């Protein structure tokens, strides 16, 4: 019975540690891609098959930087990490060795959990690009894209239903 309980405790600790470390990966900002394709709600439903093509050249490409506000750790990561580390440390050794391993697991887990939470809550800086196009009829259009790809200032472009591509 003792061996089964220990196995279940170690398995639960490893699963909890795996879930805690999954919080480290930042959430992606953009789900769009180049060439730019506007959302479907950008065009009226009355013209579902209307195609409008414009030509022009890239007048400017500027970098847009934004930053999310960060906030400090709340202590939840330290508590969760300490609990997981203590549970794992308690599975090692016997007698005073077990007590020392539990204490080291508590401290190490709390430090690791606090670090993971601080990284997750840190401010993040993001970059996107605004591609300005001067159309052949003299107008200007701007496209915010996550990456300008192979576009450079002066390149000839085609705008087809709001999607920009080299021409």
N, C-alpha and C. Protein backbone atom coordinates (compact mmCIF):
# COMPACT_ATOMS: atom_id res chain seq x y z
N UNK A 1 0.83 -1.19 0.00
CA UNK A 1 0.00 0.00 0.00
C UNK A 1 0.87 1.25 0.00
N UNK A 2 1.94 1.25 0.78
CA UNK A 2 2.83 2.40 0.87
C UNK A 2 3.47 2.70 -0.48
N UNK A 3 3.86 1.66 -1.20
CA UNK A 3 4.50 1.82 -2.51
C UNK A 3 3.50 2.41 -3.52
N UNK A 4 2.26 1.97 -3.51
CA UNK A 4 1.24 2.48 -4.42
C UNK A 4 0.93 3.95 -4.11
N UNK A 5 0.82 4.29 -2.85
CA UNK A 5 0.54 5.68 -2.47
C UNK A 5 1.69 6.58 -2.89
N UNK A 6 2.91 6.12 -2.73
CA UNK A 6 4.07 6.91 -3.13
C UNK A 6 4.08 7.10 -4.65
N UNK A 7 3.79 6.03 -5.40
CA UNK A 7 3.76 6.13 -6.86
C UNK A 7 2.71 7.14 -7.32
N UNK A 8 1.51 7.08 -6.73
CA UNK A 8 0.46 8.03 -7.08
C UNK A 8 0.84 9.46 -6.72
N UNK A 9 1.48 9.64 -5.59
CA UNK A 9 1.91 10.96 -5.16
C UNK A 9 2.95 11.55 -6.11
N UNK A 10 3.93 10.73 -6.51
CA UNK A 10 4.96 11.19 -7.45
C UNK A 10 4.33 11.50 -8.81
N UNK A 11 3.44 10.66 -9.28
CA UNK A 11 2.77 10.88 -10.57
C UNK A 11 1.96 12.17 -10.54
N UNK A 12 1.23 12.41 -9.46
CA UNK A 12 0.44 13.65 -9.35
C UNK A 12 1.36 14.86 -9.27
N UNK A 13 2.49 14.73 -8.59
CA UNK A 13 3.44 15.85 -8.50
C UNK A 13 4.04 16.18 -9.85
N UNK A 14 4.41 15.17 -10.61
CA UNK A 14 4.98 15.40 -11.94
C UNK A 14 3.93 16.02 -12.86
N UNK A 15 2.70 15.57 -12.79
CA UNK A 15 1.64 16.14 -13.62
C UNK A 15 1.39 17.60 -13.25
N UNK A 16 1.38 17.91 -11.96
CA UNK A 16 1.17 19.30 -11.52
C UNK A 16 2.33 20.19 -11.94
N UNK A 17 3.56 19.67 -11.87
CA UNK A 17 4.73 20.44 -12.31
C UNK A 17 4.67 20.69 -13.81
N UNK A 18 4.23 19.70 -14.57
CA UNK A 18 4.10 19.88 -16.02
C UNK A 18 3.06 20.95 -16.35
N UNK A 19 1.96 20.98 -15.62
CA UNK A 19 0.93 22.00 -15.86
C UNK A 19 1.44 23.38 -15.46
N UNK A 20 2.23 23.47 -14.39
CA UNK A 20 2.76 24.74 -13.94
C UNK A 20 3.75 25.31 -14.95
N UNK A 21 4.59 24.46 -15.53
CA UNK A 21 5.57 24.95 -16.50
C UNK A 21 4.93 25.30 -17.82
N UNK A 22 3.73 24.82 -18.09
CA UNK A 22 3.04 25.19 -19.32
C UNK A 22 2.63 26.65 -19.33
N UNK A 23 2.63 27.30 -18.18
CA UNK A 23 2.25 28.71 -18.08
C UNK A 23 3.35 29.64 -18.57
N UNK A 24 4.52 29.13 -18.89
CA UNK A 24 5.65 29.97 -19.26
C UNK A 24 5.50 30.53 -20.67
N UNK A 25 4.90 29.81 -21.58
CA UNK A 25 4.82 30.24 -22.97
C UNK A 25 3.91 31.45 -23.11
N UNK A 26 4.39 32.55 -23.76
CA UNK A 26 3.56 33.74 -23.93
C UNK A 26 2.45 33.50 -24.95
N UNK A 27 1.39 34.23 -24.79
CA UNK A 27 0.27 34.14 -25.70
C UNK A 27 0.62 34.91 -26.97
N UNK A 28 0.40 34.33 -28.16
CA UNK A 28 0.73 35.08 -29.38
C UNK A 28 -0.19 36.28 -29.56
N UNK A 29 0.37 37.34 -30.15
CA UNK A 29 -0.39 38.57 -30.35
C UNK A 29 -1.16 38.50 -31.65
N UNK A 30 -0.52 38.07 -32.70
CA UNK A 30 -1.12 38.09 -34.03
C UNK A 30 -1.51 36.70 -34.47
N UNK A 31 -2.62 36.62 -35.12
CA UNK A 31 -2.99 35.39 -35.79
C UNK A 31 -3.13 35.65 -37.28
N UNK A 32 -2.81 36.87 -37.69
CA UNK A 32 -2.90 37.19 -39.11
C UNK A 32 -1.60 36.85 -39.79
N UNK A 33 -1.59 36.90 -41.12
CA UNK A 33 -0.39 36.55 -41.86
C UNK A 33 -0.25 37.48 -43.06
N UNK A 34 0.92 37.51 -43.64
CA UNK A 34 1.17 38.27 -44.84
C UNK A 34 0.92 37.36 -46.01
N UNK A 35 0.33 37.74 -47.09
CA UNK A 35 -0.21 39.07 -47.36
C UNK A 35 -1.44 39.36 -46.52
N UNK A 36 -1.65 40.62 -46.24
CA UNK A 36 -2.73 41.07 -45.36
C UNK A 36 -4.08 40.67 -45.92
N UNK A 37 -4.90 40.11 -45.07
CA UNK A 37 -6.26 39.78 -45.45
C UNK A 37 -7.18 40.31 -44.36
N UNK A 38 -8.03 41.28 -44.68
CA UNK A 38 -8.88 41.89 -43.65
C UNK A 38 -9.93 40.90 -43.15
N UNK A 39 -10.50 41.18 -41.98
CA UNK A 39 -11.55 40.30 -41.48
C UNK A 39 -12.78 40.34 -42.39
N UNK A 40 -13.58 39.28 -42.32
CA UNK A 40 -14.72 39.16 -43.22
C UNK A 40 -15.77 40.25 -42.99
N UNK A 41 -15.81 40.84 -41.79
CA UNK A 41 -16.81 41.87 -41.52
C UNK A 41 -16.42 43.23 -42.10
N UNK A 42 -15.27 43.33 -42.75
CA UNK A 42 -14.81 44.61 -43.29
C UNK A 42 -15.57 45.00 -44.56
N UNK A 43 -16.21 44.06 -45.20
CA UNK A 43 -16.95 44.35 -46.43
C UNK A 43 -18.43 44.09 -46.21
N UNK A 44 -19.28 44.92 -46.79
CA UNK A 44 -20.72 44.72 -46.62
C UNK A 44 -21.18 43.40 -47.25
N UNK A 45 -22.18 42.80 -46.66
CA UNK A 45 -22.70 41.53 -47.17
C UNK A 45 -23.41 41.71 -48.50
N UNK A 46 -23.78 42.95 -48.86
CA UNK A 46 -24.48 43.19 -50.12
C UNK A 46 -23.57 42.96 -51.32
N UNK A 47 -22.24 42.97 -51.09
CA UNK A 47 -21.29 42.80 -52.19
C UNK A 47 -20.38 41.61 -51.92
N UNK A 48 -20.92 40.42 -51.78
CA UNK A 48 -20.06 39.30 -51.40
C UNK A 48 -19.07 38.88 -52.49
N UNK A 49 -19.42 39.06 -53.76
CA UNK A 49 -18.53 38.61 -54.81
C UNK A 49 -17.87 39.78 -55.55
N UNK A 50 -18.08 41.00 -55.08
CA UNK A 50 -17.49 42.16 -55.74
C UNK A 50 -15.99 42.15 -55.55
N UNK A 51 -15.25 42.33 -56.63
CA UNK A 51 -13.79 42.35 -56.57
C UNK A 51 -13.31 43.72 -57.00
N UNK A 52 -12.46 44.31 -56.17
CA UNK A 52 -11.93 45.63 -56.47
C UNK A 52 -10.42 45.56 -56.42
N UNK A 53 -9.78 45.90 -57.52
CA UNK A 53 -8.32 45.80 -57.62
C UNK A 53 -7.75 47.19 -57.83
N UNK A 54 -6.72 47.51 -57.04
CA UNK A 54 -5.99 48.76 -57.19
C UNK A 54 -4.51 48.44 -57.33
N UNK A 55 -3.79 49.37 -57.96
CA UNK A 55 -2.35 49.22 -58.07
C UNK A 55 -1.70 50.47 -57.50
N UNK A 56 -0.47 50.31 -57.05
CA UNK A 56 0.26 51.44 -56.50
C UNK A 56 1.67 51.02 -56.16
N UNK A 57 2.31 51.83 -55.33
CA UNK A 57 3.66 51.48 -54.88
C UNK A 57 3.77 51.75 -53.38
N UNK A 58 4.69 51.03 -52.74
CA UNK A 58 4.89 51.17 -51.31
C UNK A 58 5.56 52.51 -51.05
N UNK A 59 4.88 53.37 -50.32
CA UNK A 59 5.41 54.69 -50.02
C UNK A 59 6.22 54.70 -48.73
N UNK A 60 5.83 53.87 -47.76
CA UNK A 60 6.50 53.89 -46.47
C UNK A 60 6.20 52.59 -45.73
N UNK A 61 7.19 52.14 -44.96
CA UNK A 61 6.99 51.01 -44.05
C UNK A 61 7.51 51.45 -42.70
N UNK A 62 6.62 51.49 -41.72
CA UNK A 62 7.04 51.93 -40.39
C UNK A 62 6.77 50.83 -39.37
N UNK A 63 7.61 50.81 -38.35
CA UNK A 63 7.49 49.83 -37.27
C UNK A 63 6.57 50.39 -36.20
N UNK A 64 5.59 49.60 -35.81
CA UNK A 64 4.68 49.97 -34.73
C UNK A 64 5.03 49.12 -33.53
N UNK A 65 5.37 49.76 -32.44
CA UNK A 65 5.72 49.03 -31.22
C UNK A 65 4.62 49.24 -30.19
N UNK A 66 4.26 48.17 -29.54
CA UNK A 66 3.27 48.25 -28.46
C UNK A 66 3.76 47.40 -27.31
N UNK A 67 3.30 47.71 -26.14
CA UNK A 67 3.72 46.98 -24.96
C UNK A 67 2.51 46.74 -24.06
N UNK A 68 2.43 45.53 -23.56
CA UNK A 68 1.38 45.22 -22.60
C UNK A 68 1.88 45.58 -21.21
N UNK A 69 0.99 46.02 -20.38
CA UNK A 69 1.36 46.36 -19.02
C UNK A 69 1.59 45.08 -18.23
N UNK A 70 2.67 45.04 -17.51
CA UNK A 70 2.96 43.88 -16.69
C UNK A 70 2.55 44.14 -15.25
N UNK A 71 2.49 43.12 -14.48
CA UNK A 71 2.22 43.26 -13.06
C UNK A 71 3.05 42.21 -12.34
N UNK A 72 3.39 42.49 -11.13
CA UNK A 72 4.27 41.63 -10.36
C UNK A 72 3.63 40.32 -9.96
N UNK A 73 4.44 39.43 -9.43
CA UNK A 73 3.89 38.14 -9.00
C UNK A 73 2.94 38.32 -7.81
N UNK A 74 1.92 37.50 -7.77
CA UNK A 74 0.92 37.59 -6.72
C UNK A 74 1.22 36.67 -5.55
N UNK A 75 2.14 35.74 -5.75
CA UNK A 75 2.46 34.77 -4.72
C UNK A 75 1.83 33.42 -4.96
N UNK A 76 0.89 33.36 -5.89
CA UNK A 76 0.24 32.09 -6.20
C UNK A 76 1.21 31.09 -6.80
N UNK A 77 2.14 31.56 -7.63
CA UNK A 77 3.14 30.68 -8.21
C UNK A 77 4.07 30.11 -7.16
N UNK A 78 4.44 30.94 -6.18
CA UNK A 78 5.32 30.48 -5.10
C UNK A 78 4.61 29.43 -4.25
N UNK A 79 3.33 29.65 -3.96
CA UNK A 79 2.58 28.69 -3.15
C UNK A 79 2.44 27.37 -3.91
N UNK A 80 2.02 27.44 -5.17
CA UNK A 80 1.85 26.21 -5.97
C UNK A 80 3.18 25.49 -6.15
N UNK A 81 4.23 26.25 -6.46
CA UNK A 81 5.54 25.62 -6.62
C UNK A 81 6.05 25.00 -5.33
N UNK A 82 5.82 25.67 -4.19
CA UNK A 82 6.22 25.12 -2.91
C UNK A 82 5.49 23.83 -2.57
N UNK A 83 4.19 23.80 -2.86
CA UNK A 83 3.42 22.58 -2.60
C UNK A 83 3.90 21.42 -3.47
N UNK A 84 4.12 21.70 -4.73
CA UNK A 84 4.58 20.64 -5.64
C UNK A 84 5.99 20.19 -5.25
N UNK A 85 6.88 21.16 -5.00
CA UNK A 85 8.25 20.81 -4.61
C UNK A 85 8.29 20.05 -3.31
N UNK A 86 7.48 20.43 -2.35
CA UNK A 86 7.43 19.71 -1.07
C UNK A 86 6.92 18.29 -1.24
N UNK A 87 5.91 18.11 -2.10
CA UNK A 87 5.37 16.77 -2.33
C UNK A 87 6.40 15.88 -3.01
N UNK A 88 7.13 16.43 -3.98
CA UNK A 88 8.17 15.66 -4.65
C UNK A 88 9.32 15.36 -3.69
N UNK A 89 9.75 16.37 -2.92
CA UNK A 89 10.84 16.17 -1.97
C UNK A 89 10.49 15.17 -0.89
N UNK A 90 9.23 15.06 -0.52
CA UNK A 90 8.80 14.13 0.51
C UNK A 90 8.92 12.68 0.05
N UNK A 91 9.03 12.45 -1.23
CA UNK A 91 9.14 11.08 -1.76
C UNK A 91 10.56 10.56 -1.75
N UNK A 92 11.52 11.41 -1.37
CA UNK A 92 12.93 11.04 -1.42
C UNK A 92 13.43 10.74 -0.01
N UNK A 93 14.17 9.66 0.15
CA UNK A 93 14.86 9.34 1.40
C UNK A 93 13.95 8.83 2.49
N UNK A 94 14.58 8.72 3.70
CA UNK A 94 13.86 8.25 4.88
C UNK A 94 14.34 9.05 6.08
N UNK A 95 13.51 9.21 7.08
CA UNK A 95 13.89 9.87 8.32
C UNK A 95 14.26 11.33 8.12
N UNK A 96 15.44 11.73 8.66
CA UNK A 96 15.86 13.13 8.56
C UNK A 96 16.21 13.50 7.12
N UNK A 97 16.63 12.52 6.31
CA UNK A 97 16.89 12.79 4.89
C UNK A 97 15.63 13.19 4.16
N UNK A 98 14.54 12.54 4.51
CA UNK A 98 13.25 12.88 3.90
C UNK A 98 12.83 14.29 4.31
N UNK A 99 13.03 14.63 5.57
CA UNK A 99 12.67 15.98 6.04
C UNK A 99 13.50 17.04 5.33
N UNK A 100 14.80 16.78 5.13
CA UNK A 100 15.67 17.73 4.42
C UNK A 100 15.26 17.85 2.96
N UNK A 101 14.94 16.71 2.32
CA UNK A 101 14.50 16.75 0.92
C UNK A 101 13.18 17.49 0.78
N UNK A 102 12.28 17.31 1.74
CA UNK A 102 11.00 18.03 1.71
C UNK A 102 11.23 19.52 1.85
N UNK A 103 12.10 19.92 2.77
CA UNK A 103 12.39 21.35 2.96
C UNK A 103 13.03 21.95 1.70
N UNK A 104 13.99 21.22 1.11
CA UNK A 104 14.62 21.72 -0.13
C UNK A 104 13.60 21.79 -1.27
N UNK A 105 12.72 20.80 -1.32
CA UNK A 105 11.67 20.82 -2.35
C UNK A 105 10.73 21.99 -2.18
N UNK A 106 10.37 22.29 -0.94
CA UNK A 106 9.50 23.44 -0.67
C UNK A 106 10.15 24.74 -1.12
N UNK A 107 11.40 24.94 -0.70
CA UNK A 107 12.10 26.19 -1.03
C UNK A 107 12.35 26.29 -2.54
N UNK A 108 12.89 25.22 -3.12
CA UNK A 108 13.17 25.24 -4.56
C UNK A 108 11.92 25.41 -5.39
N UNK A 109 10.84 24.71 -5.01
CA UNK A 109 9.58 24.83 -5.75
C UNK A 109 8.98 26.21 -5.64
N UNK A 110 9.07 26.81 -4.45
CA UNK A 110 8.54 28.16 -4.25
C UNK A 110 9.32 29.17 -5.09
N UNK A 111 10.65 29.05 -5.13
CA UNK A 111 11.46 29.95 -5.95
C UNK A 111 11.15 29.78 -7.44
N UNK A 112 11.07 28.52 -7.87
CA UNK A 112 10.77 28.25 -9.28
C UNK A 112 9.36 28.74 -9.65
N UNK A 113 8.38 28.47 -8.81
CA UNK A 113 7.01 28.92 -9.08
C UNK A 113 6.90 30.42 -9.13
N UNK A 114 7.60 31.12 -8.23
CA UNK A 114 7.58 32.58 -8.23
C UNK A 114 8.24 33.13 -9.50
N UNK A 115 9.35 32.53 -9.93
CA UNK A 115 10.04 32.97 -11.15
C UNK A 115 9.15 32.76 -12.37
N UNK A 116 8.51 31.61 -12.45
CA UNK A 116 7.62 31.33 -13.59
C UNK A 116 6.47 32.33 -13.63
N UNK A 117 5.88 32.61 -12.48
CA UNK A 117 4.77 33.57 -12.43
C UNK A 117 5.24 34.98 -12.81
N UNK A 118 6.43 35.37 -12.34
CA UNK A 118 6.96 36.70 -12.67
C UNK A 118 7.21 36.83 -14.17
N UNK A 119 7.74 35.78 -14.80
CA UNK A 119 7.95 35.81 -16.25
C UNK A 119 6.64 35.88 -17.00
N UNK A 120 5.66 35.16 -16.52
CA UNK A 120 4.34 35.16 -17.18
C UNK A 120 3.65 36.52 -17.05
N UNK A 121 3.87 37.22 -15.94
CA UNK A 121 3.21 38.50 -15.70
C UNK A 121 4.05 39.70 -16.14
N UNK A 122 5.22 39.48 -16.70
CA UNK A 122 6.11 40.59 -17.09
C UNK A 122 5.52 41.35 -18.27
N UNK A 123 5.88 42.64 -18.42
CA UNK A 123 5.43 43.38 -19.60
C UNK A 123 6.04 42.78 -20.86
N UNK A 124 5.29 42.82 -21.94
CA UNK A 124 5.76 42.27 -23.21
C UNK A 124 5.70 43.35 -24.28
N UNK A 125 6.73 43.39 -25.10
CA UNK A 125 6.78 44.34 -26.22
C UNK A 125 6.52 43.58 -27.52
N UNK A 126 5.71 44.18 -28.38
CA UNK A 126 5.36 43.56 -29.66
C UNK A 126 5.65 44.55 -30.78
N UNK A 127 5.98 44.01 -31.94
CA UNK A 127 6.22 44.83 -33.11
C UNK A 127 5.29 44.38 -34.23
N UNK A 128 4.73 45.35 -34.93
CA UNK A 128 4.01 45.09 -36.16
C UNK A 128 4.43 46.19 -37.13
N UNK A 129 3.96 46.13 -38.34
CA UNK A 129 4.40 47.07 -39.37
C UNK A 129 3.20 47.70 -40.06
N UNK A 130 3.32 48.97 -40.37
CA UNK A 130 2.31 49.68 -41.15
C UNK A 130 2.90 49.95 -42.53
N UNK A 131 2.30 49.33 -43.54
CA UNK A 131 2.74 49.50 -44.92
C UNK A 131 1.81 50.52 -45.57
N UNK A 132 2.37 51.69 -45.94
CA UNK A 132 1.59 52.73 -46.61
C UNK A 132 1.78 52.61 -48.11
N UNK A 133 0.68 52.60 -48.83
CA UNK A 133 0.71 52.43 -50.28
C UNK A 133 0.08 53.65 -50.92
N UNK A 134 0.80 54.24 -51.89
CA UNK A 134 0.21 55.31 -52.69
C UNK A 134 -0.35 54.66 -53.95
N UNK A 135 -1.66 54.76 -54.11
CA UNK A 135 -2.31 54.12 -55.25
C UNK A 135 -2.07 54.94 -56.51
N UNK A 136 -2.30 54.32 -57.65
CA UNK A 136 -2.09 54.99 -58.93
C UNK A 136 -3.02 56.18 -59.12
N UNK A 137 -4.16 56.20 -58.44
CA UNK A 137 -5.07 57.34 -58.56
C UNK A 137 -4.75 58.44 -57.56
N UNK A 138 -3.62 58.32 -56.83
CA UNK A 138 -3.17 59.38 -55.94
C UNK A 138 -3.56 59.22 -54.48
N UNK A 139 -4.38 58.27 -54.18
CA UNK A 139 -4.80 58.06 -52.80
C UNK A 139 -3.77 57.26 -52.01
N UNK A 140 -3.95 57.24 -50.70
CA UNK A 140 -3.07 56.46 -49.82
C UNK A 140 -3.90 55.44 -49.07
N UNK A 141 -3.34 54.26 -48.91
CA UNK A 141 -3.95 53.21 -48.11
C UNK A 141 -2.89 52.69 -47.16
N UNK A 142 -3.29 52.33 -45.97
CA UNK A 142 -2.35 51.80 -44.98
C UNK A 142 -2.81 50.41 -44.57
N UNK A 143 -1.84 49.51 -44.41
CA UNK A 143 -2.09 48.13 -44.02
C UNK A 143 -1.22 47.80 -42.81
N UNK A 144 -1.83 47.38 -41.72
CA UNK A 144 -1.08 46.94 -40.54
C UNK A 144 -0.89 45.44 -40.65
N UNK A 145 0.37 45.01 -40.71
CA UNK A 145 0.70 43.60 -40.89
C UNK A 145 1.72 43.18 -39.84
N UNK A 146 1.75 41.90 -39.46
CA UNK A 146 2.74 41.45 -38.49
C UNK A 146 4.15 41.45 -39.05
N UNK A 147 4.29 41.31 -40.38
CA UNK A 147 5.61 41.32 -41.02
C UNK A 147 5.44 41.85 -42.44
N UNK A 148 6.36 42.71 -42.91
CA UNK A 148 6.22 43.21 -44.27
C UNK A 148 6.65 42.19 -45.31
N UNK A 149 7.19 41.07 -44.89
CA UNK A 149 7.62 40.05 -45.84
C UNK A 149 8.72 40.58 -46.73
N UNK A 150 8.55 40.42 -48.03
CA UNK A 150 9.57 40.86 -48.97
C UNK A 150 9.28 42.26 -49.54
N UNK A 151 8.31 42.97 -48.99
CA UNK A 151 7.98 44.31 -49.48
C UNK A 151 9.05 45.31 -49.04
N UNK A 152 9.40 46.22 -49.96
CA UNK A 152 10.34 47.30 -49.68
C UNK A 152 9.74 48.60 -50.22
N UNK A 153 10.20 49.73 -49.70
CA UNK A 153 9.73 51.03 -50.17
C UNK A 153 10.04 51.14 -51.66
N UNK A 154 9.03 51.56 -52.44
CA UNK A 154 9.18 51.69 -53.88
C UNK A 154 8.66 50.51 -54.66
N UNK A 155 8.41 49.37 -54.02
CA UNK A 155 7.90 48.19 -54.72
C UNK A 155 6.51 48.45 -55.28
N UNK A 156 6.27 47.91 -56.44
CA UNK A 156 4.95 47.97 -57.07
C UNK A 156 4.08 46.90 -56.42
N UNK A 157 2.84 47.27 -56.04
CA UNK A 157 1.95 46.34 -55.36
C UNK A 157 0.57 46.34 -56.00
N UNK A 158 -0.13 45.29 -55.73
CA UNK A 158 -1.51 45.12 -56.16
C UNK A 158 -2.36 44.95 -54.91
N UNK A 159 -3.47 45.65 -54.85
CA UNK A 159 -4.41 45.53 -53.74
C UNK A 159 -5.69 44.92 -54.30
N UNK A 160 -5.96 43.70 -53.90
CA UNK A 160 -7.11 42.97 -54.40
C UNK A 160 -8.00 42.64 -53.21
N UNK A 161 -9.16 43.31 -53.14
CA UNK A 161 -10.10 43.13 -52.02
C UNK A 161 -9.41 43.33 -50.67
N UNK A 162 -8.57 44.32 -50.57
CA UNK A 162 -7.91 44.63 -49.32
C UNK A 162 -6.70 43.77 -49.01
N UNK A 163 -6.32 42.89 -49.92
CA UNK A 163 -5.15 42.04 -49.74
C UNK A 163 -4.01 42.61 -50.58
N UNK A 164 -2.88 42.89 -49.93
CA UNK A 164 -1.76 43.53 -50.60
C UNK A 164 -0.73 42.47 -50.99
N UNK A 165 -0.21 42.58 -52.22
CA UNK A 165 0.82 41.64 -52.68
C UNK A 165 1.70 42.35 -53.71
N UNK A 166 2.92 41.86 -53.85
CA UNK A 166 3.82 42.44 -54.86
C UNK A 166 3.26 42.18 -56.25
N UNK A 167 3.53 43.14 -57.13
CA UNK A 167 3.01 43.03 -58.49
C UNK A 167 4.15 42.89 -59.45
